[in-house]
C-alpha atoms as a PDB file:
ATOM      1  CA  UNK A   1      -5.108 -21.117  13.903  1.00  0.00           C
ATOM      2  CA  UNK A   2      -7.105 -23.379  12.692  1.00  0.00           C
ATOM      3  CA  UNK A   3      -8.867 -23.508   9.079  1.00  0.00           C
ATOM      4  CA  UNK A   4     -12.259 -21.964   9.810  1.00  0.00           C
ATOM      5  CA  UNK A   5      -9.905 -18.872  11.280  1.00  0.00           C
ATOM      6  CA  UNK A   6      -7.751 -19.117   8.880  1.00  0.00           C
ATOM      7  CA  UNK A   7     -10.617 -19.657   5.758  1.00  0.00           C
ATOM      8  CA  UNK A   8     -12.276 -16.204   7.766  1.00  0.00           C
ATOM      9  CA  UNK A   9      -8.596 -14.084   7.242  1.00  0.00           C
ATOM     10  CA  UNK A  10      -8.592 -15.589   3.900  1.00  0.00           C
ATOM     11  CA  UNK A  11     -11.306 -14.217   3.029  1.00  0.00           C
ATOM     12  CA  UNK A  12     -11.212 -10.523   4.611  1.00  0.00           C
ATOM     13  CA  UNK A  13      -8.041 -10.467   2.719  1.00  0.00           C
ATOM     14  CA  UNK A  14      -9.596 -11.262  -0.546  1.00  0.00           C
ATOM     15  CA  UNK A  15     -12.148  -8.894   0.068  1.00  0.00           C
ATOM     16  CA  UNK A  16      -9.300  -6.020   0.655  1.00  0.00           C
ATOM     17  CA  UNK A  17      -7.253  -6.523  -1.748  1.00  0.00           C
ATOM     18  CA  UNK A  18     -10.658  -6.505  -4.986  1.00  0.00           C
ATOM     19  CA  UNK A  19     -11.780  -3.183  -2.682  1.00  0.00           C
ATOM     20  CA  UNK A  20      -7.703  -1.139  -3.501  1.00  0.00           C
ATOM     21  CA  UNK A  21      -7.549  -3.194  -7.187  1.00  0.00           C
ATOM     22  CA  UNK A  22     -11.341  -0.692  -7.520  1.00  0.00           C
ATOM     23  CA  UNK A  23      -9.561   1.955  -6.136  1.00  0.00           C
ATOM     24  CA  UNK A  24      -6.626   2.136  -8.363  1.00  0.00           C
ATOM     25  CA  UNK A  25      -8.518   1.297 -11.479  1.00  0.00           C
ATOM     26  CA  UNK A  26     -10.680   4.135 -10.431  1.00  0.00           C
ATOM     27  CA  UNK A  27      -8.199   6.837  -9.516  1.00  0.00           C
ATOM     28  CA  UNK A  28      -6.420   5.895 -13.191  1.00  0.00           C
ATOM     29  CA  UNK A  29      -9.797   6.838 -14.735  1.00  0.00           C
ATOM     30  CA  UNK A  30     -10.367   9.981 -13.051  1.00  0.00           C
ATOM     31  CA  UNK A  31      -6.700  11.189 -14.125  1.00  0.00           C
ATOM     32  CA  UNK A  32      -7.102  10.251 -17.027  1.00  0.00           C
ATOM     33  CA  UNK A  33     -10.891  11.950 -17.412  1.00  0.00           C
ATOM     34  CA  UNK A  34      -9.957  15.013 -14.948  1.00  0.00           C
ATOM     35  CA  UNK A  35      -6.654  15.979 -15.580  1.00  0.00           C
ATOM     36  CA  UNK A  36      -4.372  13.319 -17.639  1.00  0.00           C
ATOM     37  CA  UNK A  37      -1.304  15.785 -17.026  1.00  0.00           C
ATOM     38  CA  UNK A  38      -0.421  14.644 -13.947  1.00  0.00           C
ATOM     39  CA  UNK A  39       0.304  11.382 -15.664  1.00  0.00           C
ATOM     40  CA  UNK A  40       2.785  12.875 -18.414  1.00  0.00           C
ATOM     41  CA  UNK A  41       4.658  14.847 -16.071  1.00  0.00           C
ATOM     42  CA  UNK A  42       5.296  12.246 -14.056  1.00  0.00           C
ATOM     43  CA  UNK A  43       6.870   9.227 -13.493  1.00  0.00           C
ATOM     44  CA  UNK A  44       6.446   7.880  -9.764  1.00  0.00           C
ATOM     45  CA  UNK A  45       2.213   8.128 -10.243  1.00  0.00           C
ATOM     46  CA  UNK A  46       1.435   6.472 -13.114  1.00  0.00           C
ATOM     47  CA  UNK A  47       4.769   3.851 -11.811  1.00  0.00           C
ATOM     48  CA  UNK A  48       2.890   3.335  -8.744  1.00  0.00           C
ATOM     49  CA  UNK A  49       0.058   2.577 -10.032  1.00  0.00           C
ATOM     50  CA  UNK A  50       0.664   0.871 -12.726  1.00  0.00           C
ATOM     51  CA  UNK A  51       2.305  -1.775 -10.327  1.00  0.00           C
ATOM     52  CA  UNK A  52       0.071  -1.438  -7.523  1.00  0.00           C
ATOM     53  CA  UNK A  53      -2.571  -3.669  -9.836  1.00  0.00           C
ATOM     54  CA  UNK A  54      -0.303  -6.391 -10.198  1.00  0.00           C
ATOM     55  CA  UNK A  55       0.583  -6.504  -6.565  1.00  0.00           C
ATOM     56  CA  UNK A  56      -2.303  -5.925  -5.096  1.00  0.00           C
ATOM     57  CA  UNK A  57      -3.577  -9.513  -8.081  1.00  0.00           C
ATOM     58  CA  UNK A  58      -0.863 -11.313  -7.097  1.00  0.00           C
ATOM     59  CA  UNK A  59      -1.323 -11.396  -2.817  1.00  0.00           C
ATOM     60  CA  UNK A  60      -4.326 -12.290  -3.903  1.00  0.00           C
ATOM     61  CA  UNK A  61      -3.695 -15.254  -5.391  1.00  0.00           C
ATOM     62  CA  UNK A  62      -0.742 -15.856  -2.886  1.00  0.00           C
ATOM     63  CA  UNK A  63      -3.413 -15.675   0.332  1.00  0.00           C
ATOM     64  CA  UNK A  64      -5.906 -17.874  -2.033  1.00  0.00           C
ATOM     65  CA  UNK A  65      -2.940 -20.458  -1.764  1.00  0.00           C
ATOM     66  CA  UNK A  66      -2.588 -20.321   1.921  1.00  0.00           C
ATOM     67  CA  UNK A  67      -6.179 -22.700   2.466  1.00  0.00           C
ATOM     68  CA  UNK A  68      -4.514 -25.234   0.344  1.00  0.00           C
ATOM     69  CA  UNK A  69      -1.118 -24.688   0.928  1.00  0.00           C
ATOM     70  CA  UNK A  70       1.449 -27.750   2.819  1.00  0.00           C
ATOM     71  CA  UNK A  71       3.519 -24.222   3.238  1.00  0.00           C
ATOM     72  CA  UNK A  72       0.980 -21.626   3.969  1.00  0.00           C
ATOM     73  CA  UNK A  73       4.125 -19.363   5.328  1.00  0.00           C
ATOM     74  CA  UNK A  74       5.544 -18.760   2.355  1.00  0.00           C
ATOM     75  CA  UNK A  75       2.351 -17.578   0.857  1.00  0.00           C
ATOM     76  CA  UNK A  76       1.390 -15.290   4.151  1.00  0.00           C
ATOM     77  CA  UNK A  77       4.695 -14.015   3.552  1.00  0.00           C
ATOM     78  CA  UNK A  78       4.399 -13.178  -0.150  1.00  0.00           C
ATOM     79  CA  UNK A  79       0.625 -12.099  -0.320  1.00  0.00           C
ATOM     80  CA  UNK A  80       1.840  -9.620   2.754  1.00  0.00           C
ATOM     81  CA  UNK A  81       5.082  -8.148   0.634  1.00  0.00           C
ATOM     82  CA  UNK A  82       3.141  -7.898  -1.803  1.00  0.00           C
ATOM     83  CA  UNK A  83       0.090  -5.939  -0.711  1.00  0.00           C
ATOM     84  CA  UNK A  84       2.409  -3.930   1.125  1.00  0.00           C
ATOM     85  CA  UNK A  85       4.475  -2.656  -1.978  1.00  0.00           C
ATOM     86  CA  UNK A  86       0.577  -2.477  -3.607  1.00  0.00           C
ATOM     87  CA  UNK A  87      -1.394  -0.454  -0.612  1.00  0.00           C
ATOM     88  CA  UNK A  88       1.990   1.557  -0.237  1.00  0.00           C
ATOM     89  CA  UNK A  89       2.131   2.928  -3.343  1.00  0.00           C
ATOM     90  CA  UNK A  90      -1.596   3.622  -3.485  1.00  0.00           C
ATOM     91  CA  UNK A  91      -1.053   5.753  -0.898  1.00  0.00           C
ATOM     92  CA  UNK A  92       1.684   7.335  -3.151  1.00  0.00           C
ATOM     93  CA  UNK A  93      -0.417   8.164  -5.530  1.00  0.00           C
ATOM     94  CA  UNK A  94      -2.844   9.782  -3.633  1.00  0.00           C
ATOM     95  CA  UNK A  95      -0.773  11.836  -0.839  1.00  0.00           C
ATOM     96  CA  UNK A  96       1.338  13.133  -4.355  1.00  0.00           C
ATOM     97  CA  UNK A  97      -1.623  13.780  -6.100  1.00  0.00           C
ATOM     98  CA  UNK A  98      -3.005  15.767  -2.540  1.00  0.00           C
ATOM     99  CA  UNK A  99      -0.039  17.547  -2.254  1.00  0.00           C
ATOM    100  CA  UNK A 100      -0.299  19.221  -6.022  1.00  0.00           C
ATOM    101  CA  UNK A 101      -4.122  19.244  -6.677  1.00  0.00           C
ATOM    102  CA  UNK A 102      -5.088  20.066  -2.649  1.00  0.00           C
ATOM    103  CA  UNK A 103      -1.992  21.554  -0.436  1.00  0.00           C
ATOM    104  CA  UNK A 104       1.204  20.072   0.285  1.00  0.00           C
ATOM    105  CA  UNK A 105      -0.194  20.086   4.100  1.00  0.00           C
ATOM    106  CA  UNK A 106      -2.713  18.058   3.240  1.00  0.00           C
ATOM    107  CA  UNK A 107      -1.302  15.453   1.387  1.00  0.00           C
ATOM    108  CA  UNK A 108       1.717  15.346   4.016  1.00  0.00           C
ATOM    109  CA  UNK A 109      -1.072  14.714   6.751  1.00  0.00           C
ATOM    110  CA  UNK A 110      -2.884  12.599   4.942  1.00  0.00           C
ATOM    111  CA  UNK A 111       1.296  10.441   4.049  1.00  0.00           C
ATOM    112  CA  UNK A 112       1.876  10.414   7.585  1.00  0.00           C
ATOM    113  CA  UNK A 113      -1.259   9.783   9.539  1.00  0.00           C
ATOM    114  CA  UNK A 114      -1.332   5.944   7.443  1.00  0.00           C
ATOM    115  CA  UNK A 115       2.290   5.894   9.092  1.00  0.00           C
ATOM    116  CA  UNK A 116       0.826   6.900  12.084  1.00  0.00           C
ATOM    117  CA  UNK A 117      -2.121   4.322  12.243  1.00  0.00           C
ATOM    118  CA  UNK A 118       0.472   1.964  11.720  1.00  0.00           C
ATOM    119  CA  UNK A 119       2.047   2.348  14.597  1.00  0.00           C
ATOM    120  CA  UNK A 120      -1.131   2.492  16.106  1.00  0.00           C
ATOM    121  CA  UNK A 121      -2.188  -0.957  15.176  1.00  0.00           C
ATOM    122  CA  UNK A 122       1.213  -1.814  16.021  1.00  0.00           C
ATOM    123  CA  UNK A 123       0.351  -0.892  19.491  1.00  0.00           C
ATOM    124  CA  UNK A 124      -2.521  -2.916  19.837  1.00  0.00           C
ATOM    125  CA  UNK A 125      -1.278  -5.902  18.801  1.00  0.00           C
ATOM    126  CA  UNK A 126       1.380  -5.872  20.559  1.00  0.00           C
ATOM    127  CA  UNK A 127      -0.203  -5.484  23.391  1.00  0.00           C
ATOM    128  CA  UNK A 128      -2.545  -8.452  22.502  1.00  0.00           C
ATOM    129  CA  UNK A 129       0.979 -10.589  21.714  1.00  0.00           C
ATOM    130  CA  UNK A 130       4.578  -8.763  23.337  1.00  0.00           C
ATOM    131  CA  UNK A 131       5.897 -11.189  20.840  1.00  0.00           C
ATOM    132  CA  UNK A 132       4.703  -9.955  17.330  1.00  0.00           C
ATOM    133  CA  UNK A 133       6.813  -6.546  18.390  1.00  0.00           C
ATOM    134  CA  UNK A 134       9.573  -7.522  15.518  1.00  0.00           C
ATOM    135  CA  UNK A 135       8.562  -8.144  13.445  1.00  0.00           C
ATOM    136  CA  UNK A 136       5.709  -5.331  13.840  1.00  0.00           C
ATOM    137  CA  UNK A 137       8.796  -3.045  14.145  1.00  0.00           C
ATOM    138  CA  UNK A 138      10.109  -3.947  10.844  1.00  0.00           C
ATOM    139  CA  UNK A 139       6.128  -4.104   8.705  1.00  0.00           C
ATOM    140  CA  UNK A 140       6.253  -0.367  10.030  1.00  0.00           C
ATOM    141  CA  UNK A 141       9.932   0.665   9.216  1.00  0.00           C
ATOM    142  CA  UNK A 142       9.129  -0.961   5.476  1.00  0.00           C
ATOM    143  CA  UNK A 143       6.091   0.826   5.682  1.00  0.00           C
ATOM    144  CA  UNK A 144       7.443   4.513   6.499  1.00  0.00           C
ATOM    145  CA  UNK A 145       9.814   3.696   4.374  1.00  0.00           C
ATOM    146  CA  UNK A 146       7.784   2.884   1.428  1.00  0.00           C
ATOM    147  CA  UNK A 147       5.771   6.230   2.062  1.00  0.00           C
ATOM    148  CA  UNK A 148       8.750   7.838   2.450  1.00  0.00           C
ATOM    149  CA  UNK A 149      10.567   7.671  -0.944  1.00  0.00           C
ATOM    150  CA  UNK A 150       7.774   7.373  -2.778  1.00  0.00           C
ATOM    151  CA  UNK A 151       5.167   9.499  -1.752  1.00  0.00           C
ATOM    152  CA  UNK A 152       6.322  12.095   1.166  1.00  0.00           C
ATOM    153  CA  UNK A 153       9.808  13.280  -0.710  1.00  0.00           C
ATOM    154  CA  UNK A 154       8.060  13.550  -4.047  1.00  0.00           C
ATOM    155  CA  UNK A 155       5.412  15.273  -3.044  1.00  0.00           C
ATOM    156  CA  UNK A 156       8.392  17.737  -1.269  1.00  0.00           C
ATOM    157  CA  UNK A 157       9.533  17.915  -4.641  1.00  0.00           C
ATOM    158  CA  UNK A 158      12.899  16.148  -3.966  1.00  0.00           C
ATOM    159  CA  UNK A 159      14.143  13.824  -6.276  1.00  0.00           C
ATOM    160  CA  UNK A 160      10.864  14.167  -8.201  1.00  0.00           C
ATOM    161  CA  UNK A 161      12.700  16.603 -11.549  1.00  0.00           C
ATOM    162  CA  UNK A 162      14.580  12.588 -12.115  1.00  0.00           C
ATOM    163  CA  UNK A 163      11.497  11.721 -12.576  1.00  0.00           C
ATOM    164  CA  UNK A 164       9.467  13.592 -14.912  1.00  0.00           C
ATOM    165  CA  UNK A 165      10.019  13.438 -19.081  1.00  0.00           C
END
């Protein structure tokens, strides 16, 4: 990847991270103004929202190092992990809130469609470069596991009682 391509990749990823951070703050604001009991009645919703923000900020800092570092792969990997955790936490919170506020079907549809979208993206990426299959399988399994443990199971009420004050 040449310098111009890295700069373009960096800028687009920074824009995505800024948007996700804004979404996190917006969700916090909406919950606090509409139904603050959602934050008090659950451990996972405020925890995941609280962690998503510094994770996404860390991702932005890591990715800013991509342009100047002698070891960009290290920063790329760290940025990816922090991005995936932060993004997954936001998806989980939205899925749990949809399940609790609208319907379980809508919440599950949202969470499962996020996993499906990730898999579809991976199929296209592997079609473009067949050597990325191992990487995409690992990334998709990690993402699906985060959504399962942090979104689907809590929305279904599995181990939910462990996280209520």
